[in-house]
Amino acid sequence: MADTYLDQKPVVTVVTMTDFEVGTDKAWDDLRKTLHALARQDFSGPAEIIFLEDEKLQGHIPPDLTEILPQLQIALTNQKLQYDMKSEAAYLGTADIVILLDGDCAPVPGWLSSIVETMQAHPEAGVVSGRTLYEGNTFLERACGVLGRAYVDRRGTIVTEHISNNNAAFRRDALNQHPLVAEAGPFSSKLHAEAIRRAGWQLLFEPRAAAVHAFEGWHMECDIRRNMGYGFIKVRQLDPTLPFGRWARFGYASIPFYASARVVESWLRISRFYPNYQLRWYELPAVFALAVGVHAVEVPGMISAVQQRPITETAYR
């Protein structure tokens, strides 16, 4: 990436932060991969790159981060939850476009150019989400990729109903006026998406803006799924006008319906988008079966939401 133009207002501000196993050696190594990938971007315009971290970890931030990306700025916050931190990104930097990129998501070449190009070509867009992939070295990575990351994907249109929670560009005004809702957990972007959409903005999907998410195996997937289950019901408790939102008032009785609906929804996504996640047609029966398993793992999170009890055993901030 070219150095920031000191005499021009930046076109884009990229804010990255760690959200999983924060402060561990693995999290810092994942962040380094992301910064190396940002350094290799071909975007030639003025850009700001900011790493946002909890002020309590100031003394633990590796000094080599700015060696990887010399124009990197480090900002500290007293916020603890990742959605509160991401909302604070609306006040960092100066560009009208603010990209939120998780620290364990390494963007592919051309990522920044494509996402900025799409934002500039569509002034009606409040958010442009990129595609998130796992490396795909194993079947589990490829299968979990389509099961957990294809919710923003579209075919035949760039208009989507969702926002990627780890790889998305926002109009600064949209992010400022509609902060993320931390109360619903780290996998509740549907609530945020609806607030921005109802304000008149479009939500778009740009598949060229892909990022490769680190994959920590089945234990990470289980953690994700518990949080997803919690967020799925919690957002509907907070906003019953969301699809199937009124079922949330039935408490425990809603869980079998929601879990079954989640499986069917995943089967439909698998059928449509499996080639995008390096899956082969003959792997589909196993992916369909895995969909049942991962959504079963969401049930404890759903129970926590019904009980109004937040998830505490998680590696997510």
Protein backbone atom coordinates (compact mmCIF):
# COMPACT_ATOMS: atom_id res chain seq x y z
CA MET A 1 0.00 0.00 0.00
CA ALA A 2 1.23 3.48 -0.82
CA ASP A 3 2.12 5.77 2.06
CA THR A 4 -0.63 8.06 3.29
CA TYR A 5 -0.85 11.33 1.37
CA LEU A 6 -0.06 13.91 4.04
CA ASP A 7 -1.51 16.82 2.07
CA GLN A 8 -4.81 15.17 1.14
CA LYS A 9 -7.82 14.08 3.10
CA PRO A 10 -7.87 10.27 3.23
CA VAL A 11 -10.35 8.48 1.00
CA VAL A 12 -10.73 5.63 3.44
CA THR A 13 -10.03 4.82 7.08
CA VAL A 14 -9.37 1.17 7.89
CA VAL A 15 -9.86 0.29 11.57
CA THR A 16 -8.70 -3.15 12.67
CA MET A 17 -8.88 -4.77 16.09
CA THR A 18 -8.55 -8.20 17.66
CA ASP A 19 -11.68 -9.88 18.92
CA PHE A 20 -10.81 -13.54 19.64
CA GLU A 21 -8.42 -14.76 22.35
CA VAL A 22 -7.35 -11.15 22.78
CA GLY A 23 -3.80 -10.54 23.97
CA THR A 24 -2.51 -14.04 23.19
CA ASP A 25 0.48 -14.78 20.99
CA LYS A 26 -1.86 -16.32 18.41
CA ALA A 27 -3.99 -13.17 18.25
CA TRP A 28 -0.90 -11.00 17.71
CA ASP A 29 0.39 -13.37 15.01
CA ASP A 30 -2.98 -13.23 13.23
CA LEU A 31 -2.88 -9.44 13.42
CA ARG A 32 0.59 -9.45 11.88
CA LYS A 33 -0.75 -11.49 8.94
CA THR A 34 -3.54 -8.96 8.50
CA LEU A 35 -1.11 -6.03 8.57
CA HIS A 36 1.18 -7.74 6.05
CA ALA A 37 -1.85 -8.23 3.79
CA LEU A 38 -2.79 -4.57 4.18
CA ALA A 39 0.77 -3.55 3.32
CA ARG A 40 0.47 -5.49 0.04
CA GLN A 41 -2.72 -3.75 -1.10
CA ASP A 42 -2.51 -1.95 -4.45
CA PHE A 43 -4.68 0.98 -3.39
CA SER A 44 -2.86 4.15 -4.43
CA GLY A 45 -5.06 6.80 -2.85
CA PRO A 46 -4.71 8.45 0.57
CA ALA A 47 -5.66 6.03 3.34
CA GLU A 48 -5.50 5.80 7.12
CA ILE A 49 -4.87 2.50 8.88
CA ILE A 50 -5.69 2.41 12.59
CA PHE A 51 -5.30 -0.39 15.11
CA LEU A 52 -7.73 0.02 18.01
CA GLU A 53 -7.05 -1.71 21.32
CA ASP A 54 -8.14 -1.72 24.95
CA GLU A 55 -6.03 0.80 26.86
CA LYS A 56 -5.29 -1.86 29.48
CA LEU A 57 -3.31 -3.78 26.86
CA GLN A 58 -1.21 -0.80 25.85
CA GLY A 59 1.94 -2.28 27.33
CA HIS A 60 1.37 -5.59 25.51
CA ILE A 61 1.07 -4.23 21.97
CA PRO A 62 4.03 -5.65 19.99
CA PRO A 63 6.43 -2.92 18.84
CA ASP A 64 6.93 -4.53 15.42
CA LEU A 65 3.41 -3.72 14.18
CA THR A 66 4.50 -0.35 12.82
CA GLU A 67 7.51 -2.01 11.20
CA ILE A 68 5.11 -4.15 9.17
CA LEU A 69 2.97 -1.14 8.24
CA PRO A 70 4.81 2.15 8.88
CA GLN A 71 1.70 4.33 8.45
CA LEU A 72 -0.18 2.33 11.09
CA GLN A 73 -1.72 4.47 13.82
CA ILE A 74 -2.45 2.95 17.23
CA ALA A 75 -5.52 4.18 19.11
CA LEU A 76 -6.55 3.19 22.62
CA THR A 77 -10.03 2.96 24.09
CA ASN A 78 -11.65 2.30 27.44
CA GLN A 79 -14.35 0.22 25.75
CA LYS A 80 -14.27 -3.51 26.51
CA LEU A 81 -16.78 -5.16 24.17
CA GLN A 82 -15.94 -5.47 20.50
CA TYR A 83 -19.20 -3.92 19.27
CA ASP A 84 -18.65 -0.87 21.47
CA MET A 85 -15.13 -0.64 20.07
CA LYS A 86 -16.39 -0.93 16.51
CA SER A 87 -18.94 1.82 17.12
CA GLU A 88 -16.12 4.01 18.42
CA ALA A 89 -14.41 3.59 15.05
CA ALA A 90 -16.89 6.16 13.69
CA TYR A 91 -14.86 8.79 15.55
CA LEU A 92 -11.42 7.60 14.46
CA GLY A 93 -9.67 8.99 11.41
CA THR A 94 -11.10 11.50 8.99
CA ALA A 95 -12.26 9.66 5.85
CA ASP A 96 -15.91 9.43 4.86
CA ILE A 97 -15.52 5.67 4.36
CA VAL A 98 -14.69 3.61 7.45
CA ILE A 99 -13.78 -0.05 7.08
CA LEU A 100 -14.04 -2.39 10.05
CA LEU A 101 -11.68 -5.32 9.55
CA ASP A 102 -11.07 -7.86 12.29
CA GLY A 103 -7.45 -8.44 13.16
CA ASP A 104 -7.62 -12.13 12.20
CA CYS A 105 -8.87 -11.42 8.67
CA ALA A 106 -6.12 -11.04 6.05
CA PRO A 107 -7.48 -9.25 2.96
CA VAL A 108 -6.67 -10.65 -0.47
CA PRO A 109 -4.84 -8.53 -3.09
CA GLY A 110 -7.16 -5.87 -4.48
CA TRP A 111 -9.44 -5.96 -1.42
CA LEU A 112 -9.15 -2.27 -0.54
CA SER A 113 -9.42 -1.01 -4.12
CA SER A 114 -12.54 -3.07 -4.82
CA ILE A 115 -14.38 -2.12 -1.63
CA VAL A 116 -13.63 1.61 -2.06
CA GLU A 117 -14.56 1.45 -5.74
CA THR A 118 -17.94 -0.08 -4.88
CA MET A 119 -18.62 2.53 -2.19
CA GLN A 120 -17.77 5.35 -4.59
CA ALA A 121 -19.87 3.89 -7.40
CA HIS A 122 -22.93 3.51 -5.15
CA PRO A 123 -23.58 6.64 -3.07
CA GLU A 124 -26.83 5.06 -1.91
CA ALA A 125 -24.87 2.36 -0.08
CA GLY A 126 -24.49 2.79 3.66
CA VAL A 127 -22.48 -0.42 3.97
CA VAL A 128 -20.54 -2.65 1.59
CA SER A 129 -19.66 -6.07 2.98
CA GLY A 130 -16.86 -8.20 1.62
CA ARG A 131 -16.68 -11.97 1.45
CA THR A 132 -15.05 -13.87 4.32
CA LEU A 133 -13.29 -17.17 3.65
CA TYR A 134 -11.26 -19.68 5.59
CA GLU A 135 -8.07 -20.92 3.96
CA GLY A 136 -9.79 -24.12 2.91
CA ASN A 137 -6.95 -26.51 3.70
CA THR A 138 -9.36 -29.00 5.27
CA PHE A 139 -12.94 -30.06 4.73
CA LEU A 140 -13.92 -28.56 8.10
CA GLU A 141 -12.57 -25.15 7.07
CA ARG A 142 -14.39 -25.17 3.76
CA ALA A 143 -17.63 -26.43 5.29
CA CYS A 144 -17.58 -23.99 8.21
CA GLY A 145 -16.80 -21.24 5.72
CA VAL A 146 -20.04 -21.65 3.82
CA LEU A 147 -22.01 -22.41 6.98
CA GLY A 148 -20.79 -19.44 8.95
CA ARG A 149 -19.75 -16.80 6.43
CA ALA A 150 -22.12 -17.04 3.44
CA TYR A 151 -24.91 -15.06 5.08
CA VAL A 152 -23.93 -11.89 3.18
CA ASP A 153 -23.44 -13.65 -0.19
CA ARG A 154 -25.72 -12.87 -3.09
CA ARG A 155 -26.06 -14.15 -6.63
CA GLY A 156 -27.47 -12.03 -9.43
CA THR A 157 -27.59 -8.88 -7.29
CA ILE A 158 -25.24 -6.94 -5.06
CA VAL A 159 -28.00 -5.90 -2.63
CA THR A 160 -27.92 -7.93 0.58
CA GLU A 161 -29.85 -7.94 3.86
CA HIS A 162 -26.88 -8.39 6.13
CA ILE A 163 -23.60 -6.81 7.20
CA SER A 164 -20.41 -8.79 7.58
CA ASN A 165 -19.39 -8.54 11.23
CA ASN A 166 -15.68 -8.72 10.38
CA ASN A 167 -15.15 -7.26 6.88
CA ALA A 168 -17.31 -4.28 5.92
CA ALA A 169 -17.06 -0.65 4.80
CA PHE A 170 -19.43 1.98 6.23
CA ARG A 171 -20.32 5.53 5.43
CA ARG A 172 -19.05 7.37 8.45
CA ASP A 173 -22.45 9.03 8.93
CA ALA A 174 -24.25 5.68 8.88
CA LEU A 175 -21.90 4.19 11.47
CA ASN A 176 -22.03 7.32 13.61
CA GLN A 177 -25.82 7.57 13.59
CA HIS A 178 -26.40 3.84 14.01
CA PRO A 179 -23.92 2.29 16.46
CA LEU A 180 -23.69 -1.45 16.89
CA VAL A 181 -25.68 -2.97 19.73
CA ALA A 182 -23.27 -4.70 22.12
CA GLU A 183 -26.13 -5.96 24.30
CA ALA A 184 -26.93 -8.67 21.77
CA GLY A 185 -23.42 -10.11 21.65
CA PRO A 186 -20.71 -10.26 18.97
CA PHE A 187 -22.88 -12.03 16.38
CA SER A 188 -25.88 -9.75 16.20
CA SER A 189 -25.16 -7.71 13.08
CA LYS A 190 -28.73 -8.27 11.83
CA LEU A 191 -29.95 -5.69 14.33
CA HIS A 192 -27.39 -3.19 13.05
CA ALA A 193 -28.21 -3.99 9.44
CA GLU A 194 -31.91 -3.36 9.94
CA ALA A 195 -31.30 -0.02 11.67
CA ILE A 196 -29.16 1.21 8.77
CA ARG A 197 -31.49 -0.18 6.11
CA ARG A 198 -34.57 1.39 7.71
CA ALA A 199 -32.76 4.73 7.71
CA GLY A 200 -32.79 4.57 3.91
CA TRP A 201 -29.32 3.21 3.16
CA GLN A 202 -28.66 0.22 0.95
CA LEU A 203 -26.59 -2.75 2.07
CA LEU A 204 -24.35 -4.12 -0.68
CA PHE A 205 -22.08 -7.12 -1.12
CA GLU A 206 -18.76 -7.01 -2.99
CA PRO A 207 -17.31 -10.51 -3.49
CA ARG A 208 -13.96 -9.17 -4.73
CA ALA A 209 -13.37 -7.64 -1.30
CA ALA A 210 -12.47 -10.98 0.24
CA ALA A 211 -10.59 -11.61 3.46
CA VAL A 212 -9.17 -14.88 4.75
CA HIS A 213 -10.26 -15.45 8.35
CA ALA A 214 -8.02 -17.42 10.71
CA PHE A 215 -9.51 -20.80 11.63
CA GLU A 216 -8.84 -22.28 15.06
CA GLY A 217 -10.68 -25.56 14.61
CA TRP A 218 -13.81 -27.01 16.12
CA HIS A 219 -13.41 -25.25 19.48
CA MET A 220 -13.59 -21.89 17.69
CA GLU A 221 -16.63 -23.00 15.72
CA CYS A 222 -18.40 -24.09 18.91
CA ASP A 223 -17.65 -20.71 20.52
CA ILE A 224 -18.97 -18.92 17.44
CA ARG A 225 -22.11 -21.02 17.41
CA ARG A 226 -22.98 -20.47 21.06
CA ASN A 227 -22.70 -16.74 20.46
CA MET A 228 -24.68 -16.99 17.23
CA GLY A 229 -27.50 -18.82 18.98
CA TYR A 230 -27.57 -16.20 21.70
CA GLY A 231 -27.52 -13.34 19.19
CA PHE A 232 -30.19 -14.89 16.98
CA ILE A 233 -32.78 -14.83 19.76
CA LYS A 234 -31.49 -11.73 21.55
CA VAL A 235 -31.89 -9.47 18.50
CA ARG A 236 -35.48 -10.67 18.15
CA GLN A 237 -36.16 -9.96 21.79
CA LEU A 238 -34.89 -6.42 21.21
CA ASP A 239 -36.68 -6.00 17.87
CA PRO A 240 -39.71 -8.29 17.38
CA THR A 241 -40.26 -6.82 13.89
CA LEU A 242 -37.29 -8.80 12.56
CA PRO A 243 -38.21 -11.92 10.53
CA PHE A 244 -39.83 -14.47 12.87
CA GLY A 245 -39.21 -12.03 15.70
CA ARG A 246 -42.55 -12.56 17.39
CA TRP A 247 -41.68 -16.19 18.04
CA ALA A 248 -39.15 -15.02 20.63
CA ARG A 249 -41.95 -14.26 23.08
CA PHE A 250 -42.64 -18.00 23.36
CA GLY A 251 -39.36 -18.48 25.22
CA TYR A 252 -38.12 -22.06 25.34
CA ALA A 253 -40.85 -23.18 22.93
CA SER A 254 -39.33 -20.98 20.23
CA ILE A 255 -35.98 -22.78 20.27
CA PRO A 256 -36.97 -25.93 18.28
CA PHE A 257 -38.56 -23.72 15.63
CA TYR A 258 -35.58 -21.38 15.41
CA ALA A 259 -33.04 -24.22 15.35
CA SER A 260 -34.94 -26.03 12.59
CA ALA A 261 -35.32 -22.84 10.57
CA ARG A 262 -31.58 -22.19 10.90
CA VAL A 263 -30.81 -25.64 9.47
CA VAL A 264 -33.11 -25.15 6.49
CA GLU A 265 -31.65 -21.70 5.86
CA SER A 266 -28.12 -23.17 5.91
CA TRP A 267 -29.12 -25.94 3.49
CA LEU A 268 -30.36 -23.32 1.05
CA ARG A 269 -27.14 -21.31 1.34
CA ILE A 270 -25.01 -24.41 0.89
CA SER A 271 -26.88 -25.28 -2.29
CA ARG A 272 -26.40 -21.80 -3.73
CA PHE A 273 -22.93 -20.77 -2.60
CA TYR A 274 -20.82 -23.89 -1.98
CA PRO A 275 -18.53 -23.27 -5.01
CA ASN A 276 -17.49 -19.91 -3.53
CA TYR A 277 -16.03 -21.72 -0.52
CA GLN A 278 -13.90 -24.28 -2.41
CA LEU A 279 -16.35 -27.11 -1.79
CA ARG A 280 -16.93 -29.91 -4.29
CA TRP A 281 -20.34 -31.26 -5.17
CA TYR A 282 -19.54 -34.68 -3.71
CA GLU A 283 -18.84 -33.06 -0.32
CA LEU A 284 -22.35 -31.64 -0.07
CA PRO A 285 -24.00 -34.53 1.84
CA ALA A 286 -21.38 -34.17 4.58
CA VAL A 287 -21.85 -30.37 4.65
CA PHE A 288 -25.63 -30.79 4.95
CA ALA A 289 -25.08 -33.16 7.89
CA LEU A 290 -22.58 -30.79 9.52
CA ALA A 291 -25.18 -28.01 9.28
CA VAL A 292 -27.41 -29.94 11.65
CA GLY A 293 -24.52 -30.33 14.07
CA VAL A 294 -23.39 -26.71 14.13
CA HIS A 295 -26.91 -25.44 14.66
CA ALA A 296 -27.40 -27.93 17.49
CA VAL A 297 -24.37 -26.29 19.14
CA GLU A 298 -26.25 -22.97 18.97
CA VAL A 299 -29.01 -24.23 21.27
CA PRO A 300 -27.17 -23.54 24.57
CA GLY A 301 -26.69 -19.94 23.41
CA MET A 302 -30.40 -19.72 22.59
CA ILE A 303 -31.23 -21.01 26.06
CA SER A 304 -28.99 -18.32 27.59
CA ALA A 305 -30.86 -15.66 25.62
CA VAL A 306 -34.24 -16.97 26.77
CA GLN A 307 -32.96 -16.92 30.35
CA GLN A 308 -31.66 -13.36 29.88
CA ARG A 309 -28.23 -14.66 30.87
CA PRO A 310 -25.21 -13.47 28.86
CA ILE A 311 -22.59 -15.92 27.64
CA THR A 312 -19.54 -15.65 29.88
CA GLU A 313 -17.46 -18.66 28.77
CA THR A 314 -16.23 -17.33 25.46
CA ALA A 315 -12.96 -16.27 23.85
CA TYR A 316 -14.69 -13.29 22.23
CA ARG A 317 -14.55 -9.88 23.84
